[in-house]
Amino acid sequence: MSRSNVLKEPITDVKIEDDMKVGEFIEALDRAYGFMAGHLSSACKIVSEMIVDKEATKFLSFTGNLIATGLRGIIAQMIREGFVDVIVTTCGAIDHDIVRSIGSTYYKGSFDVDDTYLASMKIHRLGNIFIPWEDYGERVEEFTRKLVEKLSSKVEWGVREILYEAGRLINDENSILKAAYDMKVPIYVPGIVDGAFGTQLFIQSQFRKFRIDPFIDMKELSDLIFKAKKIGAIIVGGGISKHHVIWWSQFKEGLDYVIYITTAIEYDGSLSGARPKEAISWGKVKPKAKKTFIYGDATLILPLIVAGVKYYVKRFRSSRLNTKALKRIM
C-alpha cells in the first residue's frame, strides 16, 4: 500500500453535547477513534451489516455471569428484535435466567465485601452482585424437577429441546428462555452439566426414564451450519460458548462476520483472549471476514453496540438489503 493509502483518515477532536443522541455519540467515538473507540464503532457497523444480510445466520454466544446482571433484559431484547438466530451459552446463564424468571431477586453489592461474612449471612457473591442462598440453587432444582415431570413424551432429549420446553413454562418478558421460545431461536449449552440445572437433570435421570443425548444438539447445529450461506457471530466473553461457535464455523470455512468482546489477553495462549485473526489460522474465521474485537466489560460495551446498531441500521433503509430485518430492529 502507498503512504497516501495508509494515511487516509485523520483523527478528529470531539465534544459531548448536552442533547447528543446515542447514535451521534457512537459516531463521535468513530471520529475520536483511539483506542477501543474506533473498534466499538466498527463493531456496530459490522453487526448492522450482518443483521440485514439475508444470507447470514447470526450466532450470539455469551458467558453465564451476564444473566445475573440487568444486561439480561438487553439480551432478551436482542433475541426479540432479530439480532440473533442461534444462541450458545453456559449452564450458569440458564440457572440465573430460571430463578430470576420465577421471582428471585438479585441485589446491588460490592467487590470489596468480606466473603466470609457473606457466607455466614447465607449470601452468594457474583462480582458486585449479591444473591441470597434461598433464591438460587434450591429454586433451580425445584423448577427443573417440575420441568422433567412434564417431559414424558419420550426418553431421550437434546439440551436445546429441554430449554425450549423450559421457555414454554416461563412468563417473564426479560427471560432469555422465554424470548427464545417465543421467537423460535434455539439455545445450545454444550457444558450443560456444569451448573445447578444440568446437575438436577442428571439427578432426575437416576429416578426417571429420562436421558440427555448431546448428539441431538450436534446434529441440529450441523444442519444449521451446512444450510447457512454465511455465518456471523457476536461473541461475548470466552470459554466453551465462544469455542463452540467458532468450532462449528470451521465446517463452513469460517465466520463471515464476527466481533469479540473480551477482558482477556492473548499472551497466555488462552482461547478467551485469542483475537479473531488467530482463528483465521484454524479456519474458523475467513481471511476476508468483517471482524473486530473490543477489550472491555460487556456490561458497558454490549448496550452501546445494541444502541449503535439500531442507529446504523436506519441508514440502510434506502438500500436493497433485508427490509423485514430492518423493521424488526427499529
C-alpha atoms as a PDB file:
ATOM      1  CA  MET A   1       0.000   0.000   0.000  1.00  0.00           C
ATOM      2  CA  SER A   2       1.172   3.528  -0.740  1.00  0.00           C
ATOM      3  CA  ARG A   3       1.727   6.030   2.045  1.00  0.00           C
ATOM      4  CA  SER A   4      -1.304   8.039   0.918  1.00  0.00           C
ATOM      5  CA  ASN A   5      -3.492   4.945   1.190  1.00  0.00           C
ATOM      6  CA  VAL A   6      -2.298   4.339   4.747  1.00  0.00           C
ATOM      7  CA  LEU A   7      -2.760   7.950   5.869  1.00  0.00           C
ATOM      8  CA  LYS A   8      -6.314   8.437   4.646  1.00  0.00           C
ATOM      9  CA  GLU A   9      -8.493   9.490   7.563  1.00  0.00           C
ATOM     10  CA  PRO A  10      -7.409  11.929  10.283  1.00  0.00           C
ATOM     11  CA  ILE A  11      -8.292  11.694  13.967  1.00  0.00           C
ATOM     12  CA  THR A  12     -10.864  14.318  14.969  1.00  0.00           C
ATOM     13  CA  ASP A  13     -11.256  16.005  18.346  1.00  0.00           C
ATOM     14  CA  VAL A  14     -14.804  15.569  19.618  1.00  0.00           C
ATOM     15  CA  LYS A  15     -17.022  17.071  22.302  1.00  0.00           C
ATOM     16  CA  ILE A  16     -20.033  15.704  24.162  1.00  0.00           C
ATOM     17  CA  GLU A  17     -23.067  17.934  23.636  1.00  0.00           C
ATOM     18  CA  ASP A  18     -25.907  18.300  26.151  1.00  0.00           C
ATOM     19  CA  ASP A  19     -28.550  16.913  23.782  1.00  0.00           C
ATOM     20  CA  MET A  20     -26.368  14.353  21.966  1.00  0.00           C
ATOM     21  CA  LYS A  21     -28.229  11.200  20.877  1.00  0.00           C
ATOM     22  CA  VAL A  22     -26.720   7.739  21.259  1.00  0.00           C
ATOM     23  CA  GLY A  23     -26.124   7.377  17.522  1.00  0.00           C
ATOM     24  CA  GLU A  24     -24.321  10.717  17.433  1.00  0.00           C
ATOM     25  CA  PHE A  25     -22.249   9.576  20.408  1.00  0.00           C
ATOM     26  CA  ILE A  26     -21.207   6.385  18.562  1.00  0.00           C
ATOM     27  CA  GLU A  27     -20.243   8.451  15.513  1.00  0.00           C
ATOM     28  CA  ALA A  28     -18.219  10.764  17.766  1.00  0.00           C
ATOM     29  CA  LEU A  29     -16.340   7.713  19.046  1.00  0.00           C
ATOM     30  CA  ASP A  30     -15.663   6.751  15.438  1.00  0.00           C
ATOM     31  CA  ARG A  31     -14.099  10.156  14.773  1.00  0.00           C
ATOM     32  CA  ALA A  32     -12.114  10.128  18.038  1.00  0.00           C
ATOM     33  CA  TYR A  33     -11.031   6.591  17.109  1.00  0.00           C
ATOM     34  CA  GLY A  34      -8.276   5.678  19.584  1.00  0.00           C
ATOM     35  CA  PHE A  35      -8.050   3.247  21.202  1.00  0.00           C
ATOM     36  CA  MET A  36     -11.079   0.986  21.592  1.00  0.00           C
ATOM     37  CA  ALA A  37     -13.474   3.745  20.489  1.00  0.00           C
ATOM     38  CA  GLY A  38     -12.824   3.003  16.818  1.00  0.00           C
ATOM     39  CA  HIS A  39     -13.250  -0.705  17.446  1.00  0.00           C
ATOM     40  CA  LEU A  40     -16.639  -0.059  19.063  1.00  0.00           C
ATOM     41  CA  SER A  41     -17.828   1.912  16.066  1.00  0.00           C
ATOM     42  CA  SER A  42     -16.547  -0.797  13.712  1.00  0.00           C
ATOM     43  CA  ALA A  43     -18.387  -3.432  15.747  1.00  0.00           C
ATOM     44  CA  CYS A  44     -21.660  -1.510  15.392  1.00  0.00           C
ATOM     45  CA  LYS A  45     -21.229  -1.316  11.619  1.00  0.00           C
ATOM     46  CA  ILE A  46     -20.260  -4.992  11.268  1.00  0.00           C
ATOM     47  CA  VAL A  47     -23.235  -6.188  13.341  1.00  0.00           C
ATOM     48  CA  SER A  48     -25.586  -3.887  11.416  1.00  0.00           C
ATOM     49  CA  GLU A  49     -24.430  -5.304   8.101  1.00  0.00           C
ATOM     50  CA  MET A  50     -24.669  -8.857   9.442  1.00  0.00           C
ATOM     51  CA  ILE A  51     -28.249  -8.310  10.623  1.00  0.00           C
ATOM     52  CA  VAL A  52     -29.519  -7.013   7.303  1.00  0.00           C
ATOM     53  CA  ASP A  53     -27.646  -9.637   5.266  1.00  0.00           C
ATOM     54  CA  LYS A  54     -30.410 -12.096   4.289  1.00  0.00           C
ATOM     55  CA  GLU A  55     -27.837 -14.844   3.717  1.00  0.00           C
ATOM     56  CA  ALA A  56     -26.257 -14.641   7.173  1.00  0.00           C
ATOM     57  CA  THR A  57     -27.106 -16.984  10.044  1.00  0.00           C
ATOM     58  CA  LYS A  58     -26.400 -14.952  13.180  1.00  0.00           C
ATOM     59  CA  PHE A  59     -24.918 -16.519  16.335  1.00  0.00           C
ATOM     60  CA  LEU A  60     -24.696 -14.955  19.783  1.00  0.00           C
ATOM     61  CA  SER A  61     -22.507 -16.518  22.444  1.00  0.00           C
ATOM     62  CA  PHE A  62     -22.044 -15.226  25.976  1.00  0.00           C
ATOM     63  CA  THR A  63     -20.996 -16.319  29.438  1.00  0.00           C
ATOM     64  CA  GLY A  64     -23.474 -17.045  32.212  1.00  0.00           C
ATOM     65  CA  ASN A  65     -22.428 -14.247  34.574  1.00  0.00           C
ATOM     66  CA  LEU A  66     -24.066 -11.648  32.305  1.00  0.00           C
ATOM     67  CA  ILE A  67     -27.535 -13.075  33.011  1.00  0.00           C
ATOM     68  CA  ALA A  68     -27.032 -12.239  36.695  1.00  0.00           C
ATOM     69  CA  THR A  69     -26.980  -8.554  35.672  1.00  0.00           C
ATOM     70  CA  GLY A  70     -29.566  -6.255  34.135  1.00  0.00           C
ATOM     71  CA  LEU A  71     -27.952  -6.995  30.769  1.00  0.00           C
ATOM     72  CA  ARG A  72     -30.282  -9.999  30.751  1.00  0.00           C
ATOM     73  CA  GLY A  73     -33.063  -7.707  29.552  1.00  0.00           C
ATOM     74  CA  ILE A  74     -30.941  -6.396  26.674  1.00  0.00           C
ATOM     75  CA  ILE A  75     -30.061  -9.927  25.546  1.00  0.00           C
ATOM     76  CA  ALA A  76     -33.753 -10.844  25.603  1.00  0.00           C
ATOM     77  CA  GLN A  77     -34.381  -7.689  23.551  1.00  0.00           C
ATOM     78  CA  MET A  78     -31.698  -8.750  21.040  1.00  0.00           C
ATOM     79  CA  ILE A  79     -33.478 -12.088  20.612  1.00  0.00           C
ATOM     80  CA  ARG A  80     -36.860 -10.438  20.069  1.00  0.00           C
ATOM     81  CA  GLU A  81     -35.582  -7.763  17.682  1.00  0.00           C
ATOM     82  CA  GLY A  82     -33.771 -10.065  15.261  1.00  0.00           C
ATOM     83  CA  PHE A  83     -30.141  -9.564  16.242  1.00  0.00           C
ATOM     84  CA  VAL A  84     -29.671 -13.308  16.586  1.00  0.00           C
ATOM     85  CA  ASP A  85     -30.775 -16.635  15.052  1.00  0.00           C
ATOM     86  CA  VAL A  86     -28.865 -19.047  17.323  1.00  0.00           C
ATOM     87  CA  ILE A  87     -27.560 -18.776  20.904  1.00  0.00           C
ATOM     88  CA  VAL A  88     -24.682 -20.664  22.518  1.00  0.00           C
ATOM     89  CA  THR A  89     -24.150 -20.119  26.240  1.00  0.00           C
ATOM     90  CA  THR A  90     -23.363 -21.834  29.543  1.00  0.00           C
ATOM     91  CA  CYS A  91     -25.375 -23.615  32.216  1.00  0.00           C
ATOM     92  CA  GLY A  92     -24.867 -20.640  34.528  1.00  0.00           C
ATOM     93  CA  ALA A  93     -26.886 -18.490  32.137  1.00  0.00           C
ATOM     94  CA  ILE A  94     -29.748 -20.983  32.361  1.00  0.00           C
ATOM     95  CA  ASP A  95     -29.549 -21.103  36.170  1.00  0.00           C
ATOM     96  CA  HIS A  96     -29.705 -17.316  36.528  1.00  0.00           C
ATOM     97  CA  ASP A  97     -32.440 -16.918  33.935  1.00  0.00           C
ATOM     98  CA  ILE A  98     -34.669 -19.529  35.561  1.00  0.00           C
ATOM     99  CA  VAL A  99     -34.511 -18.161  39.094  1.00  0.00           C
ATOM    100  CA  ARG A 100     -34.890 -14.538  38.042  1.00  0.00           C
ATOM    101  CA  SER A 101     -37.860 -15.566  35.887  1.00  0.00           C
ATOM    102  CA  ILE A 102     -39.677 -17.199  38.795  1.00  0.00           C
ATOM    103  CA  GLY A 103     -39.273 -14.391  41.301  1.00  0.00           C
ATOM    104  CA  SER A 104     -35.750 -14.460  42.743  1.00  0.00           C
ATOM    105  CA  THR A 105     -34.217 -11.076  43.471  1.00  0.00           C
ATOM    106  CA  TYR A 106     -30.554 -10.237  42.933  1.00  0.00           C
ATOM    107  CA  TYR A 107     -29.095  -7.218  44.739  1.00  0.00           C
ATOM    108  CA  LYS A 108     -26.510  -4.488  44.187  1.00  0.00           C
ATOM    109  CA  GLY A 109     -23.401  -5.322  46.181  1.00  0.00           C
ATOM    110  CA  SER A 110     -19.651  -4.696  46.279  1.00  0.00           C
ATOM    111  CA  PHE A 111     -16.470  -6.357  45.078  1.00  0.00           C
ATOM    112  CA  ASP A 112     -14.773  -5.481  48.364  1.00  0.00           C
ATOM    113  CA  VAL A 113     -17.054  -7.017  50.982  1.00  0.00           C
ATOM    114  CA  ASP A 114     -15.786  -9.741  53.342  1.00  0.00           C
ATOM    115  CA  ASP A 115     -16.828 -13.043  51.709  1.00  0.00           C
ATOM    116  CA  THR A 116     -16.581 -14.959  54.974  1.00  0.00           C
ATOM    117  CA  TYR A 117     -19.152 -12.548  56.374  1.00  0.00           C
ATOM    118  CA  LEU A 118     -21.383 -13.050  53.312  1.00  0.00           C
ATOM    119  CA  ALA A 119     -21.186 -16.832  53.703  1.00  0.00           C
ATOM    120  CA  SER A 120     -22.244 -16.524  57.349  1.00  0.00           C
ATOM    121  CA  MET A 121     -25.218 -14.442  56.183  1.00  0.00           C
ATOM    122  CA  LYS A 122     -26.075 -17.029  53.502  1.00  0.00           C
ATOM    123  CA  ILE A 123     -25.414 -14.677  50.612  1.00  0.00           C
ATOM    124  CA  HIS A 124     -23.598 -15.623  47.397  1.00  0.00           C
ATOM    125  CA  ARG A 125     -21.377 -13.004  45.739  1.00  0.00           C
ATOM    126  CA  LEU A 126     -21.019 -12.824  41.948  1.00  0.00           C
ATOM    127  CA  GLY A 127     -18.648  -9.900  41.390  1.00  0.00           C
ATOM    128  CA  ASN A 128     -20.552  -6.966  42.858  1.00  0.00           C
ATOM    129  CA  ILE A 129     -23.914  -8.737  42.783  1.00  0.00           C
ATOM    130  CA  PHE A 130     -25.383 -10.339  45.909  1.00  0.00           C
ATOM    131  CA  ILE A 131     -27.632 -13.418  45.623  1.00  0.00           C
ATOM    132  CA  PRO A 132     -29.488 -14.830  48.660  1.00  0.00           C
ATOM    133  CA  TRP A 133     -28.850 -18.558  49.006  1.00  0.00           C
ATOM    134  CA  GLU A 134     -32.581 -19.302  49.089  1.00  0.00           C
ATOM    135  CA  ASP A 135     -33.029 -17.527  45.745  1.00  0.00           C
ATOM    136  CA  TYR A 136     -30.607 -19.710  43.800  1.00  0.00           C
ATOM    137  CA  GLY A 137     -29.800 -23.431  43.959  1.00  0.00           C
ATOM    138  CA  GLU A 138     -32.951 -24.803  45.524  1.00  0.00           C
ATOM    139  CA  ARG A 139     -35.174 -22.757  43.233  1.00  0.00           C
ATOM    140  CA  VAL A 140     -33.326 -24.011  40.133  1.00  0.00           C
ATOM    141  CA  GLU A 141     -33.712 -27.579  41.361  1.00  0.00           C
ATOM    142  CA  GLU A 142     -37.426 -27.188  42.105  1.00  0.00           C
ATOM    143  CA  PHE A 143     -38.092 -25.715  38.643  1.00  0.00           C
ATOM    144  CA  THR A 144     -36.047 -28.457  36.956  1.00  0.00           C
ATOM    145  CA  ARG A 145     -37.887 -31.259  38.772  1.00  0.00           C
ATOM    146  CA  LYS A 146     -41.236 -29.867  37.656  1.00  0.00           C
ATOM    147  CA  LEU A 147     -39.919 -29.459  34.114  1.00  0.00           C
ATOM    148  CA  VAL A 148     -38.690 -33.063  33.888  1.00  0.00           C
ATOM    149  CA  GLU A 149     -42.063 -34.303  35.152  1.00  0.00           C
ATOM    150  CA  LYS A 150     -43.598 -32.751  32.021  1.00  0.00           C
ATOM    151  CA  LEU A 151     -41.048 -34.371  29.681  1.00  0.00           C
ATOM    152  CA  SER A 152     -42.846 -37.682  29.485  1.00  0.00           C
ATOM    153  CA  SER A 153     -43.413 -37.857  25.712  1.00  0.00           C
ATOM    154  CA  LYS A 154     -40.041 -39.543  25.127  1.00  0.00           C
ATOM    155  CA  VAL A 155     -36.959 -40.765  26.979  1.00  0.00           C
ATOM    156  CA  GLU A 156     -34.044 -39.139  25.130  1.00  0.00           C
ATOM    157  CA  TRP A 157     -33.853 -35.357  24.801  1.00  0.00           C
ATOM    158  CA  GLY A 158     -31.457 -32.876  23.293  1.00  0.00           C
ATOM    159  CA  VAL A 159     -30.497 -29.959  25.528  1.00  0.00           C
ATOM    160  CA  ARG A 160     -31.982 -27.449  23.078  1.00  0.00           C
ATOM    161  CA  GLU A 161     -35.301 -29.306  23.208  1.00  0.00           C
ATOM    162  CA  ILE A 162     -35.332 -29.207  27.019  1.00  0.00           C
ATOM    163  CA  LEU A 163     -34.572 -25.473  27.068  1.00  0.00           C
ATOM    164  CA  TYR A 164     -37.384 -24.875  24.582  1.00  0.00           C
ATOM    165  CA  GLU A 165     -39.793 -26.599  26.993  1.00  0.00           C
ATOM    166  CA  ALA A 166     -38.366 -24.547  29.875  1.00  0.00           C
ATOM    167  CA  GLY A 167     -39.106 -21.358  27.935  1.00  0.00           C
ATOM    168  CA  ARG A 168     -42.682 -22.543  27.438  1.00  0.00           C
ATOM    169  CA  LEU A 169     -43.156 -22.614  31.239  1.00  0.00           C
ATOM    170  CA  ILE A 170     -41.768 -19.130  31.875  1.00  0.00           C
ATOM    171  CA  ASN A 171     -43.841 -15.945  31.904  1.00  0.00           C
ATOM    172  CA  ASP A 172     -41.235 -13.187  32.047  1.00  0.00           C
ATOM    173  CA  GLU A 173     -40.567 -10.876  29.093  1.00  0.00           C
ATOM    174  CA  ASN A 174     -36.982 -10.300  30.304  1.00  0.00           C
ATOM    175  CA  SER A 175     -36.220 -14.019  30.252  1.00  0.00           C
ATOM    176  CA  ILE A 176     -33.841 -15.227  27.550  1.00  0.00           C
ATOM    177  CA  LEU A 177     -35.505 -18.649  27.651  1.00  0.00           C
ATOM    178  CA  LYS A 178     -38.942 -17.106  27.182  1.00  0.00           C
ATOM    179  CA  ALA A 179     -37.730 -14.816  24.374  1.00  0.00           C
ATOM    180  CA  ALA A 180     -36.041 -17.740  22.614  1.00  0.00           C
ATOM    181  CA  TYR A 181     -39.217 -19.829  22.929  1.00  0.00           C
ATOM    182  CA  ASP A 182     -41.387 -17.012  21.552  1.00  0.00           C
ATOM    183  CA  MET A 183     -39.045 -16.236  18.651  1.00  0.00           C
ATOM    184  CA  LYS A 184     -38.112 -19.893  17.909  1.00  0.00           C
ATOM    185  CA  VAL A 185     -34.411 -19.140  18.498  1.00  0.00           C
ATOM    186  CA  PRO A 186     -32.527 -22.298  19.550  1.00  0.00           C
ATOM    187  CA  ILE A 187     -30.293 -22.173  22.636  1.00  0.00           C
ATOM    188  CA  TYR A 188     -27.371 -24.608  22.813  1.00  0.00           C
ATOM    189  CA  VAL A 189     -25.436 -25.263  26.022  1.00  0.00           C
ATOM    190  CA  PRO A 190     -22.525 -27.636  25.337  1.00  0.00           C
ATOM    191  CA  GLY A 191     -21.500 -27.592  29.018  1.00  0.00           C
ATOM    192  CA  ILE A 192     -24.966 -28.252  30.399  1.00  0.00           C
ATOM    193  CA  VAL A 193     -23.813 -30.387  33.356  1.00  0.00           C
ATOM    194  CA  ASP A 194     -21.650 -27.544  34.718  1.00  0.00           C
ATOM    195  CA  GLY A 195     -24.337 -25.915  36.841  1.00  0.00           C
ATOM    196  CA  ALA A 196     -27.417 -26.419  39.003  1.00  0.00           C
ATOM    197  CA  PHE A 197     -29.821 -27.000  36.101  1.00  0.00           C
ATOM    198  CA  GLY A 198     -27.669 -29.659  34.446  1.00  0.00           C
ATOM    199  CA  THR A 199     -26.837 -31.362  37.717  1.00  0.00           C
ATOM    200  CA  GLN A 200     -30.522 -31.623  38.582  1.00  0.00           C
ATOM    201  CA  LEU A 201     -31.212 -33.098  35.136  1.00  0.00           C
ATOM    202  CA  PHE A 202     -28.644 -35.776  35.948  1.00  0.00           C
ATOM    203  CA  ILE A 203     -30.221 -36.455  39.355  1.00  0.00           C
ATOM    204  CA  GLN A 204     -33.658 -36.807  37.785  1.00  0.00           C
ATOM    205  CA  SER A 205     -32.246 -39.259  35.243  1.00  0.00           C
ATOM    206  CA  GLN A 206     -31.387 -41.579  38.116  1.00  0.00           C
ATOM    207  CA  PHE A 207     -35.063 -41.925  39.065  1.00  0.00           C
ATOM    208  CA  ARG A 208     -36.941 -41.498  35.783  1.00  0.00           C
ATOM    209  CA  LYS A 209     -36.877 -42.724  32.235  1.00  0.00           C
ATOM    210  CA  PHE A 210     -35.119 -39.601  31.106  1.00  0.00           C
ATOM    211  CA  ARG A 211     -31.801 -39.105  29.327  1.00  0.00           C
ATOM    212  CA  ILE A 212     -29.872 -36.300  27.628  1.00  0.00           C
ATOM    213  CA  ASP A 213     -28.408 -37.088  24.228  1.00  0.00           C
ATOM    214  CA  PRO A 214     -25.904 -34.343  23.259  1.00  0.00           C
ATOM    215  CA  PHE A 215     -25.661 -35.749  19.745  1.00  0.00           C
ATOM    216  CA  ILE A 216     -29.197 -34.474  19.077  1.00  0.00           C
ATOM    217  CA  ASP A 217     -27.868 -30.938  19.571  1.00  0.00           C
ATOM    218  CA  MET A 218     -24.808 -31.653  17.448  1.00  0.00           C
ATOM    219  CA  LYS A 219     -26.984 -32.903  14.592  1.00  0.00           C
ATOM    220  CA  GLU A 220     -29.093 -29.731  14.773  1.00  0.00           C
ATOM    221  CA  LEU A 221     -26.010 -27.498  14.800  1.00  0.00           C
ATOM    222  CA  SER A 222     -24.514 -29.455  11.921  1.00  0.00           C
ATOM    223  CA  ASP A 223     -27.672 -28.917   9.881  1.00  0.00           C
ATOM    224  CA  LEU A 224     -27.719 -25.208  10.732  1.00  0.00           C
ATOM    225  CA  ILE A 225     -24.117 -24.727   9.694  1.00  0.00           C
ATOM    226  CA  PHE A 226     -24.270 -26.653   6.442  1.00  0.00           C
ATOM    227  CA  LYS A 227     -27.530 -24.994   5.373  1.00  0.00           C
ATOM    228  CA  ALA A 228     -26.214 -21.495   6.092  1.00  0.00           C
ATOM    229  CA  LYS A 229     -24.906 -19.442   3.188  1.00  0.00           C
ATOM    230  CA  LYS A 230     -22.963 -17.153   5.527  1.00  0.00           C
ATOM    231  CA  ILE A 231     -22.272 -17.198   9.259  1.00  0.00           C
ATOM    232  CA  GLY A 232     -21.849 -14.280  11.621  1.00  0.00           C
ATOM    233  CA  ALA A 233     -21.303 -14.086  15.363  1.00  0.00           C
ATOM    234  CA  ILE A 234     -21.360 -11.706  18.297  1.00  0.00           C
ATOM    235  CA  ILE A 235     -19.081 -13.395  20.838  1.00  0.00           C
ATOM    236  CA  VAL A 236     -19.208 -12.001  24.367  1.00  0.00           C
ATOM    237  CA  GLY A 237     -16.535 -13.361  26.676  1.00  0.00           C
ATOM    238  CA  GLY A 238     -14.731 -16.625  26.138  1.00  0.00           C
ATOM    239  CA  GLY A 239     -14.711 -20.209  27.298  1.00  0.00           C
ATOM    240  CA  ILE A 240     -16.784 -23.054  25.931  1.00  0.00           C
ATOM    241  CA  SER A 241     -19.558 -20.902  24.444  1.00  0.00           C
ATOM    242  CA  LYS A 242     -17.062 -18.913  22.359  1.00  0.00           C
ATOM    243  CA  HIS A 243     -15.211 -22.000  21.206  1.00  0.00           C
ATOM    244  CA  HIS A 244     -18.366 -23.911  20.332  1.00  0.00           C
ATOM    245  CA  VAL A 245     -19.389 -21.193  17.849  1.00  0.00           C
ATOM    246  CA  ILE A 246     -16.033 -20.881  16.135  1.00  0.00           C
ATOM    247  CA  TRP A 247     -15.528 -24.671  16.196  1.00  0.00           C
ATOM    248  CA  TRP A 248     -18.693 -25.274  14.205  1.00  0.00           C
ATOM    249  CA  SER A 249     -17.916 -22.349  11.918  1.00  0.00           C
ATOM    250  CA  GLN A 250     -14.833 -24.074  10.553  1.00  0.00           C
ATOM    251  CA  PHE A 251     -17.084 -26.598   8.787  1.00  0.00           C
ATOM    252  CA  LYS A 252     -18.330 -23.685   6.656  1.00  0.00           C
ATOM    253  CA  GLU A 253     -14.811 -22.360   6.013  1.00  0.00           C
ATOM    254  CA  GLY A 254     -15.165 -19.890   8.885  1.00  0.00           C
ATOM    255  CA  LEU A 255     -17.199 -16.892  10.003  1.00  0.00           C
ATOM    256  CA  ASP A 256     -18.064 -14.146   7.518  1.00  0.00           C
ATOM    257  CA  TYR A 257     -18.819 -11.577  10.224  1.00  0.00           C
ATOM    258  CA  VAL A 258     -17.531 -11.617  13.799  1.00  0.00           C
ATOM    259  CA  ILE A 259     -16.962  -9.343  16.767  1.00  0.00           C
ATOM    260  CA  TYR A 260     -15.352 -10.347  20.055  1.00  0.00           C
ATOM    261  CA  ILE A 261     -15.935  -8.559  23.356  1.00  0.00           C
ATOM    262  CA  THR A 262     -13.427  -9.649  25.987  1.00  0.00           C
ATOM    263  CA  THR A 263     -11.369  -8.636  29.004  1.00  0.00           C
ATOM    264  CA  ALA A 264      -8.870 -11.465  28.410  1.00  0.00           C
ATOM    265  CA  ILE A 265      -5.488 -11.034  26.704  1.00  0.00           C
ATOM    266  CA  GLU A 266      -3.906 -13.256  24.078  1.00  0.00           C
ATOM    267  CA  TYR A 267      -0.425 -13.502  25.567  1.00  0.00           C
ATOM    268  CA  ASP A 268      -1.127 -16.621  27.653  1.00  0.00           C
ATOM    269  CA  GLY A 269      -2.426 -18.516  24.610  1.00  0.00           C
ATOM    270  CA  SER A 270      -5.932 -18.722  26.044  1.00  0.00           C
ATOM    271  CA  LEU A 271      -8.969 -19.202  23.838  1.00  0.00           C
ATOM    272  CA  SER A 272     -10.763 -16.472  25.778  1.00  0.00           C
ATOM    273  CA  GLY A 273      -8.054 -13.940  24.928  1.00  0.00           C
ATOM    274  CA  ALA A 274      -7.455 -15.000  21.327  1.00  0.00           C
ATOM    275  CA  ARG A 275      -8.358 -12.312  18.790  1.00  0.00           C
ATOM    276  CA  PRO A 276     -10.332 -13.008  15.591  1.00  0.00           C
ATOM    277  CA  LYS A 277      -7.195 -13.045  13.442  1.00  0.00           C
ATOM    278  CA  GLU A 278      -5.866 -16.090  15.329  1.00  0.00           C
ATOM    279  CA  ALA A 279      -9.000 -18.010  14.356  1.00  0.00           C
ATOM    280  CA  ILE A 280      -8.101 -17.476  10.688  1.00  0.00           C
ATOM    281  CA  SER A 281      -5.163 -19.866  11.146  1.00  0.00           C
ATOM    282  CA  TRP A 282      -7.631 -22.543  12.315  1.00  0.00           C
ATOM    283  CA  GLY A 283     -10.128 -21.975   9.525  1.00  0.00           C
ATOM    284  CA  LYS A 284     -12.692 -20.656  11.997  1.00  0.00           C
ATOM    285  CA  VAL A 285     -12.786 -17.098  10.622  1.00  0.00           C
ATOM    286  CA  LYS A 286     -12.472 -16.376   6.917  1.00  0.00           C
ATOM    287  CA  PRO A 287      -9.419 -14.308   5.899  1.00  0.00           C
ATOM    288  CA  LYS A 288     -11.679 -11.667   4.337  1.00  0.00           C
ATOM    289  CA  ALA A 289     -14.272 -11.728   7.130  1.00  0.00           C
ATOM    290  CA  LYS A 290     -15.556  -8.444   8.508  1.00  0.00           C
ATOM    291  CA  LYS A 291     -14.172  -8.632  12.009  1.00  0.00           C
ATOM    292  CA  THR A 292     -13.066  -6.670  15.044  1.00  0.00           C
ATOM    293  CA  PHE A 293     -12.550  -7.084  18.784  1.00  0.00           C
ATOM    294  CA  ILE A 294     -13.165  -4.849  21.771  1.00  0.00           C
ATOM    295  CA  TYR A 295     -11.341  -5.021  25.078  1.00  0.00           C
ATOM    296  CA  GLY A 296     -13.803  -4.022  27.763  1.00  0.00           C
ATOM    297  CA  ASP A 297     -16.560  -5.003  30.169  1.00  0.00           C
ATOM    298  CA  ALA A 298     -19.525  -6.416  28.260  1.00  0.00           C
ATOM    299  CA  THR A 299     -21.976  -4.733  30.636  1.00  0.00           C
ATOM    300  CA  LEU A 300     -20.713  -1.427  29.203  1.00  0.00           C
ATOM    301  CA  ILE A 301     -19.887  -2.449  25.643  1.00  0.00           C
ATOM    302  CA  LEU A 302     -22.878  -4.568  24.610  1.00  0.00           C
ATOM    303  CA  PRO A 303     -25.554  -1.924  25.405  1.00  0.00           C
ATOM    304  CA  LEU A 304     -23.581   0.610  23.356  1.00  0.00           C
ATOM    305  CA  ILE A 305     -23.358  -1.829  20.441  1.00  0.00           C
ATOM    306  CA  VAL A 306     -27.104  -2.503  20.538  1.00  0.00           C
ATOM    307  CA  ALA A 307     -27.805   1.244  20.559  1.00  0.00           C
ATOM    308  CA  GLY A 308     -25.273   1.836  17.788  1.00  0.00           C
ATOM    309  CA  VAL A 309     -26.679  -0.939  15.634  1.00  0.00           C
ATOM    310  CA  LYS A 310     -30.198   0.457  15.924  1.00  0.00           C
ATOM    311  CA  TYR A 311     -28.763   3.777  14.716  1.00  0.00           C
ATOM    312  CA  TYR A 312     -26.711   2.393  11.831  1.00  0.00           C
ATOM    313  CA  VAL A 313     -29.449   0.065  10.606  1.00  0.00           C
ATOM    314  CA  LYS A 314     -31.664   3.085   9.921  1.00  0.00           C
ATOM    315  CA  ARG A 315     -29.073   4.238   7.419  1.00  0.00           C
ATOM    316  CA  PHE A 316     -29.664   1.113   5.331  1.00  0.00           C
ATOM    317  CA  ARG A 317     -33.357   1.981   4.808  1.00  0.00           C
ATOM    318  CA  SER A 318     -32.941   3.016   1.205  1.00  0.00           C
ATOM    319  CA  SER A 319     -30.705   0.055   0.336  1.00  0.00           C
ATOM    320  CA  ARG A 320     -31.742  -3.206  -1.294  1.00  0.00           C
ATOM    321  CA  LEU A 321     -30.972  -5.175   1.881  1.00  0.00           C
ATOM    322  CA  ASN A 322     -33.418  -7.060   4.083  1.00  0.00           C
ATOM    323  CA  THR A 323     -36.189  -4.549   4.887  1.00  0.00           C
ATOM    324  CA  LYS A 324     -38.014  -7.084   7.065  1.00  0.00           C
ATOM    325  CA  ALA A 325     -34.966  -7.349   9.330  1.00  0.00           C
ATOM    326  CA  LEU A 326     -34.747  -3.546   9.401  1.00  0.00           C
ATOM    327  CA  LYS A 327     -38.332  -3.237  10.635  1.00  0.00           C
ATOM    328  CA  ARG A 328     -37.765  -5.759  13.409  1.00  0.00           C
ATOM    329  CA  ILE A 329     -34.803  -3.872  14.797  1.00  0.00           C
ATOM    330  CA  MET A 330     -36.174  -0.327  14.545  1.00  0.00           C
END
